[in-house]
């Protein structure tokens, strides 16, 4: 039963939905809970790396499910550490008003540089753990999610209809200055063609694989994640309520997570991001020293 493609697809859907909602829930809670959330997530991350190494030498049904779950946990830790504010980048201020072009992209890289390096290091670790092993599902899954994630990030920066700015936690308010609202951008069709090509290759591998084989199970699991990523991309431009999938984290959102930063305007296609003068002044002061709301607090939160 567990070797049936439907079982793997359901498994992938559930893990994707639950892990995404959990990260959203944790980064919107009271900042005093962040150290515990990060510590717990790091323990799971370490166990996931162990699970990847443990399952890499086997192509059994159990090892397939373990490898997929551990690969997804490894990615969820990247998101958790970023949105809690622990592993972000050297830049923690609003983007300069009127900034555009290569300079704007450089600032965007600055707010997530350490996050990108963390993804690279984790990917190399998974590559090493699965090198010359029959079960490389965790590594392949991590690479697939990384590609789709970067594609979505580029689309959001170039401009999409639904930027979901309310998902940005208050302590990362400066990220909103890199979001742009626009019906469509030239990169979106290209990104979808690439994603569909990847999905086609994975489905073709699954169809050609023998029934009940590891090749079938791994290709099916990767196909499910590729299809989910494509659907997520379309939610960026279609007027559909994707947030309804995770209402349970919004219902328990901490009051402290809703601040005046939630009202910051987004970059639009017709105008540049402009922050309130008082807030812009605070951001400039933060860029020159450790004082201010973005400095480390006694609670251990960045």
Protein backbone atom coordinates (compact mmCIF):
# COMPACT_ATOMS: atom_id res chain seq x y z
CA UNK A 1 0.00 0.00 0.00
CA UNK A 2 2.77 2.46 0.90
CA UNK A 3 4.40 1.86 -2.48
CA UNK A 4 1.30 3.13 -4.28
CA UNK A 5 1.88 6.55 -5.90
CA UNK A 6 -1.25 7.94 -4.21
CA UNK A 7 0.22 7.23 -0.77
CA UNK A 8 3.42 9.11 -1.57
CA UNK A 9 1.51 12.03 -3.07
CA UNK A 10 -0.65 12.31 0.05
CA UNK A 11 2.47 12.07 2.24
CA UNK A 12 4.17 14.86 0.27
CA UNK A 13 1.07 17.06 0.37
CA UNK A 14 0.62 16.67 4.10
CA UNK A 15 4.26 17.35 4.96
CA UNK A 16 4.31 20.40 2.69
CA UNK A 17 1.10 21.81 4.19
CA UNK A 18 2.00 21.10 7.81
CA UNK A 19 5.65 22.25 7.68
CA UNK A 20 4.69 25.48 5.89
CA UNK A 21 1.95 26.24 8.40
CA UNK A 22 4.20 25.45 11.34
CA UNK A 23 6.91 27.84 10.16
CA UNK A 24 4.30 30.56 9.59
CA UNK A 25 2.84 29.95 13.04
CA UNK A 26 6.16 30.01 14.89
CA UNK A 27 7.50 33.19 13.30
CA UNK A 28 4.31 35.11 14.13
CA UNK A 29 4.34 34.29 17.83
CA UNK A 30 5.74 36.35 20.70
CA UNK A 31 9.48 36.97 20.13
CA UNK A 32 10.20 35.47 23.56
CA UNK A 33 9.31 32.06 22.07
CA UNK A 34 11.84 32.37 19.25
CA UNK A 35 14.87 30.88 21.07
CA UNK A 36 12.89 27.76 22.02
CA UNK A 37 11.45 27.44 18.52
CA UNK A 38 14.90 27.79 16.97
CA UNK A 39 16.42 25.30 19.41
CA UNK A 40 13.68 22.75 18.75
CA UNK A 41 13.95 23.26 15.01
CA UNK A 42 17.72 22.81 15.12
CA UNK A 43 17.38 19.52 16.99
CA UNK A 44 14.97 18.29 14.30
CA UNK A 45 17.38 19.53 11.64
CA UNK A 46 20.24 17.54 13.18
CA UNK A 47 18.03 14.45 13.37
CA UNK A 48 17.04 14.97 9.74
CA UNK A 49 20.67 15.03 8.65
CA UNK A 50 21.22 11.80 10.56
CA UNK A 51 18.12 10.35 8.91
CA UNK A 52 19.42 11.26 5.46
CA UNK A 53 22.69 9.46 6.12
CA UNK A 54 20.85 6.50 7.67
CA UNK A 55 18.46 6.06 4.74
CA UNK A 56 20.93 6.76 1.94
CA UNK A 57 22.20 3.19 1.78
CA UNK A 58 18.78 1.61 1.33
CA UNK A 59 16.03 1.79 -1.28
CA UNK A 60 13.37 0.16 0.88
CA UNK A 61 9.93 1.67 1.25
CA UNK A 62 10.71 2.92 4.77
CA UNK A 63 13.98 4.51 3.62
CA UNK A 64 12.15 6.31 0.82
CA UNK A 65 9.68 7.89 3.23
CA UNK A 66 12.44 8.71 5.71
CA UNK A 67 14.63 10.33 3.07
CA UNK A 68 11.77 12.46 1.75
CA UNK A 69 10.68 13.58 5.21
CA UNK A 70 14.22 14.37 6.32
CA UNK A 71 14.92 16.31 3.13
CA UNK A 72 11.80 18.40 3.70
CA UNK A 73 12.75 19.04 7.34
CA UNK A 74 16.20 20.19 6.19
CA UNK A 75 14.50 22.76 3.98
CA UNK A 76 11.96 23.78 6.64
CA UNK A 77 14.86 24.61 8.96
CA UNK A 78 16.21 27.04 6.36
CA UNK A 79 12.87 28.82 6.30
CA UNK A 80 12.47 28.76 10.07
CA UNK A 81 15.92 30.20 10.76
CA UNK A 82 15.29 32.96 8.21
CA UNK A 83 11.82 34.01 9.26
CA UNK A 84 12.67 33.91 12.96
CA UNK A 85 15.44 36.36 12.08
CA UNK A 86 18.42 34.23 13.13
CA UNK A 87 20.01 33.55 9.73
CA UNK A 88 19.16 36.40 7.36
CA UNK A 89 21.84 38.73 6.02
CA UNK A 90 24.08 41.70 6.89
CA UNK A 91 21.47 44.22 5.71
CA UNK A 92 18.55 44.75 8.08
CA UNK A 93 17.14 48.06 6.92
CA UNK A 94 14.62 49.22 4.35
CA UNK A 95 15.73 49.44 0.75
CA UNK A 96 16.81 52.94 -0.26
CA UNK A 97 13.88 54.94 -1.71
CA UNK A 98 14.13 55.13 -5.50
CA UNK A 99 16.52 52.18 -5.63
CA UNK A 100 16.23 50.00 -8.70
CA UNK A 101 18.24 47.84 -11.07
CA UNK A 102 21.44 46.02 -10.03
CA UNK A 103 21.73 48.13 -6.87
CA UNK A 104 18.27 47.03 -5.74
CA UNK A 105 19.12 43.38 -6.41
CA UNK A 106 22.33 43.81 -4.47
CA UNK A 107 20.37 45.12 -1.50
CA UNK A 108 18.01 42.15 -1.80
CA UNK A 109 20.94 39.77 -1.66
CA UNK A 110 22.21 41.63 1.39
CA UNK A 111 19.06 40.91 3.41
CA UNK A 112 19.30 37.15 2.77
CA UNK A 113 23.00 36.49 2.15
CA UNK A 114 23.57 34.29 5.21
CA UNK A 115 20.33 32.46 4.43
CA UNK A 116 21.54 31.69 0.90
CA UNK A 117 24.89 30.49 2.24
CA UNK A 118 23.06 28.27 4.74
CA UNK A 119 21.09 26.70 1.88
CA UNK A 120 24.31 26.11 -0.05
CA UNK A 121 26.09 24.53 2.92
CA UNK A 122 23.11 22.30 3.70
CA UNK A 123 22.87 21.24 0.08
CA UNK A 124 26.56 20.31 0.08
CA UNK A 125 26.06 18.37 3.33
CA UNK A 126 23.19 16.39 1.78
CA UNK A 127 25.27 15.78 -1.32
CA UNK A 128 28.08 14.41 0.85
CA UNK A 129 25.73 12.25 2.92
CA UNK A 130 24.19 10.67 -0.17
CA UNK A 131 27.25 10.56 -2.41
CA UNK A 132 27.60 7.24 -4.27
CA UNK A 133 24.57 5.89 -2.38
CA UNK A 134 21.50 4.28 -3.96
CA UNK A 135 19.05 6.58 -2.15
CA UNK A 136 19.68 10.24 -3.02
CA UNK A 137 16.06 11.33 -2.71
CA UNK A 138 16.71 13.80 0.12
CA UNK A 139 19.40 15.61 -1.86
CA UNK A 140 17.33 15.70 -5.05
CA UNK A 141 14.33 17.01 -3.11
CA UNK A 142 16.41 19.76 -1.51
CA UNK A 143 17.80 20.83 -4.90
CA UNK A 144 14.31 20.87 -6.42
CA UNK A 145 12.84 22.99 -3.62
CA UNK A 146 15.81 25.37 -3.75
CA UNK A 147 15.32 25.91 -7.49
CA UNK A 148 11.58 26.50 -7.14
CA UNK A 149 12.11 28.76 -4.13
CA UNK A 150 14.59 30.97 -5.97
CA UNK A 151 12.22 31.11 -8.93
CA UNK A 152 9.37 32.29 -6.71
CA UNK A 153 11.63 34.86 -5.01
CA UNK A 154 12.68 36.35 -8.36
CA UNK A 155 9.06 36.55 -9.47
CA UNK A 156 8.04 38.32 -6.26
CA UNK A 157 10.81 40.89 -6.68
CA UNK A 158 9.92 41.52 -10.33
CA UNK A 159 6.27 41.87 -9.44
CA UNK A 160 3.25 39.61 -8.93
CA UNK A 161 -0.40 40.18 -8.07
CA UNK A 162 -0.34 38.42 -4.68
CA UNK A 163 2.79 39.19 -2.66
CA UNK A 164 1.18 38.06 0.64
CA UNK A 165 2.90 40.88 2.51
CA UNK A 166 0.96 40.08 5.68
CA UNK A 167 3.00 36.88 5.93
CA UNK A 168 6.15 38.92 6.56
CA UNK A 169 6.74 38.95 10.34
CA UNK A 170 7.06 42.34 12.04
CA UNK A 171 10.73 41.87 12.94
CA UNK A 172 11.56 41.47 9.23
CA UNK A 173 9.53 44.50 8.14
CA UNK A 174 12.29 45.66 5.81
CA UNK A 175 11.59 42.71 3.51
CA UNK A 176 8.43 44.48 2.38
CA UNK A 177 10.53 47.06 0.56
CA UNK A 178 11.61 44.33 -1.84
CA UNK A 179 8.08 43.21 -2.75
CA UNK A 180 6.44 44.59 -5.86
CA UNK A 181 2.80 44.34 -6.95
CA UNK A 182 2.20 43.78 -10.65
CA UNK A 183 -0.20 41.66 -12.69
CA UNK A 184 2.60 39.85 -14.50
CA UNK A 185 6.35 40.01 -15.07
CA UNK A 186 8.42 38.77 -18.04
CA UNK A 187 10.19 36.11 -15.98
CA UNK A 188 7.01 34.32 -14.91
CA UNK A 189 6.33 32.48 -18.21
CA UNK A 190 10.00 31.47 -18.42
CA UNK A 191 9.99 30.15 -14.87
CA UNK A 192 6.86 28.15 -15.58
CA UNK A 193 8.27 26.62 -18.75
CA UNK A 194 11.35 25.51 -16.83
CA UNK A 195 9.24 24.13 -13.99
CA UNK A 196 6.94 22.27 -16.38
CA UNK A 197 9.96 20.79 -18.16
CA UNK A 198 11.25 19.48 -14.82
CA UNK A 199 7.83 18.07 -13.96
CA UNK A 200 7.60 16.37 -17.36
CA UNK A 201 11.00 14.70 -16.88
CA UNK A 202 10.04 13.47 -13.41
CA UNK A 203 6.67 12.12 -14.53
CA UNK A 204 8.34 10.39 -17.48
CA UNK A 205 10.77 8.70 -15.08
CA UNK A 206 7.90 7.60 -12.85
CA UNK A 207 5.92 6.15 -15.75
CA UNK A 208 8.96 4.24 -17.04
CA UNK A 209 9.86 2.80 -13.62
CA UNK A 210 8.75 -0.71 -12.59
CA UNK A 211 5.78 -0.95 -10.23
CA UNK A 212 6.73 -0.80 -6.55
CA UNK A 213 10.35 0.17 -7.32
CA UNK A 214 12.39 2.86 -5.58
CA UNK A 215 12.68 4.67 -8.90
CA UNK A 216 8.89 4.92 -9.10
CA UNK A 217 8.48 6.07 -5.49
CA UNK A 218 11.23 8.71 -5.64
CA UNK A 219 10.12 10.08 -9.02
CA UNK A 220 6.51 10.22 -7.79
CA UNK A 221 7.46 12.11 -4.63
CA UNK A 222 9.57 14.61 -6.57
CA UNK A 223 6.81 15.02 -9.16
CA UNK A 224 4.34 15.87 -6.40
CA UNK A 225 6.64 18.56 -5.02
CA UNK A 226 7.31 19.99 -8.47
CA UNK A 227 3.56 20.16 -9.15
CA UNK A 228 2.99 21.88 -5.80
CA UNK A 229 5.68 24.44 -6.60
CA UNK A 230 4.05 25.18 -9.97
CA UNK A 231 0.67 25.63 -8.28
CA UNK A 232 2.26 27.98 -5.73
CA UNK A 233 3.69 30.04 -8.57
CA UNK A 234 0.25 30.44 -10.11
CA UNK A 235 -1.18 31.52 -6.77
CA UNK A 236 1.22 34.47 -7.01
CA UNK A 237 -0.67 35.92 -9.97
CA UNK A 238 -4.19 34.50 -9.69
CA UNK A 239 -6.80 36.12 -7.38
CA UNK A 240 -7.16 32.99 -5.25
CA UNK A 241 -7.07 32.81 -1.42
CA UNK A 242 -4.00 30.62 -0.83
CA UNK A 243 -3.87 31.81 2.79
CA UNK A 244 -7.04 29.84 3.54
CA UNK A 245 -4.89 26.70 3.70
CA UNK A 246 -3.22 27.92 6.88
CA UNK A 247 -5.95 29.73 8.80
CA UNK A 248 -5.03 27.78 11.93
CA UNK A 249 -1.75 29.70 12.42
CA UNK A 250 -3.48 33.06 11.91
CA UNK A 251 -6.04 32.30 14.61
CA UNK A 252 -3.33 32.00 17.29
CA UNK A 253 -1.14 34.86 16.11
CA UNK A 254 0.49 36.74 18.97
CA UNK A 255 -0.76 40.32 19.47
CA UNK A 256 2.83 41.56 19.58
CA UNK A 257 3.38 40.39 16.02
CA UNK A 258 0.95 43.00 14.70
CA UNK A 259 2.73 46.33 14.76
CA UNK A 260 2.67 49.55 12.84
CA UNK A 261 5.09 47.95 10.37
CA UNK A 262 2.19 45.94 8.96
CA UNK A 263 0.98 49.14 7.28
CA UNK A 264 4.16 49.77 5.32
CA UNK A 265 3.37 50.29 1.64
CA UNK A 266 4.73 47.89 -0.96
CA UNK A 267 6.70 48.69 -4.09
CA UNK A 268 4.29 49.05 -6.97
CA UNK A 269 4.91 49.16 -10.69
CA UNK A 270 4.10 52.86 -10.74
CA UNK A 271 6.06 54.08 -7.74
CA UNK A 272 9.06 53.30 -5.60
CA UNK A 273 8.85 52.13 -2.01
CA UNK A 274 8.53 55.05 0.36
CA UNK A 275 8.67 54.52 4.11
CA UNK A 276 7.22 56.89 6.71
CA UNK A 277 9.84 59.49 7.59
CA UNK A 278 10.09 58.48 11.22
CA UNK A 279 10.58 54.85 10.35
CA UNK A 280 13.10 55.65 7.62
CA UNK A 281 15.04 57.68 10.13
CA UNK A 282 15.10 54.75 12.56
CA UNK A 283 16.31 52.47 9.80
CA UNK A 284 19.14 54.82 8.91
CA UNK A 285 20.22 54.99 12.53
CA UNK A 286 20.15 51.21 12.74
CA UNK A 287 22.45 50.96 9.74
CA UNK A 288 25.15 52.89 11.61
CA UNK A 289 25.20 51.10 14.92
CA UNK A 290 23.82 48.32 17.13
CA UNK A 291 21.22 50.52 18.80
CA UNK A 292 17.57 50.35 17.90
CA UNK A 293 14.80 47.76 17.51
CA UNK A 294 16.86 45.57 15.17
CA UNK A 295 19.67 45.09 17.68
CA UNK A 296 19.93 41.79 19.61
CA UNK A 297 17.59 41.69 22.58
CA UNK A 298 18.01 40.00 25.99
CA UNK A 299 15.60 37.30 24.83
CA UNK A 300 18.16 36.10 22.33
CA UNK A 301 16.18 37.14 19.27
CA UNK A 302 18.17 38.85 16.49
